[in-house]
Amino acid sequence: MKLEKQIFVDELLERIQASPYLLVFDYQGLTVDGFEELRKRLKEVGAKGTVAKNRLVKRSLQAGDFPDLSEAFVGQTMIVTGEGEIPAAAKVLKNFTAEFKKPVFKAGVLDGDVIDESQLKALAELPSREELLAKLLSVINAPASKLVRTINEPAGSLARVLQAFADKG
């Protein structure tokens, strides 16, 4: 293999190994403008869409001891990797596919396990990390808030009774 190709394979392997996920899509029929829009949306959530020769991507995956996805690398293939969370990238891809009918999901790997389209759709439905943390915080704060209201209620009731008595008198 030529030196330039070997360097590309090594860089691609580094990026794939640094990512907690790898998603493989068929982008055939997607316009250049559409592809650029998809890349822009992915970048906003910390993901990156890459197009490379299938043979070179397969070599990168083989060198990295990944599950065999060779049957997914047929035709025009784009891989999506990222440093962010997979639900955010999955949501972008789901919304983009709903809008443009492309790209078509072929295969994926999440933390070393192969995922299918139904699992990717389920990941797209998950709330973001920030939303989950906000929900967790509200659950943790709820008992404390109720306790404060319960403690303050007798004093508030007494104040309202005294005010009503003063208004009457």
Foldseek 3Di string as FASTA:
>chain_A
DDPVLVVVLVVLLVQQVLFQKKWKWAFPPQDPVLVVVLQVQQVVQFKGKDWDQLVSPQVSCVVNVAPDPSVSRDHGMIMMTGNGDLLSNLLSQVVSCVVVVDTGTRWMAGNRRIDDPVVSVVSVPDDGPVVVVVVVVCVVCVVVVVVVCVVCVVVVVVVVVVVVVVVVD
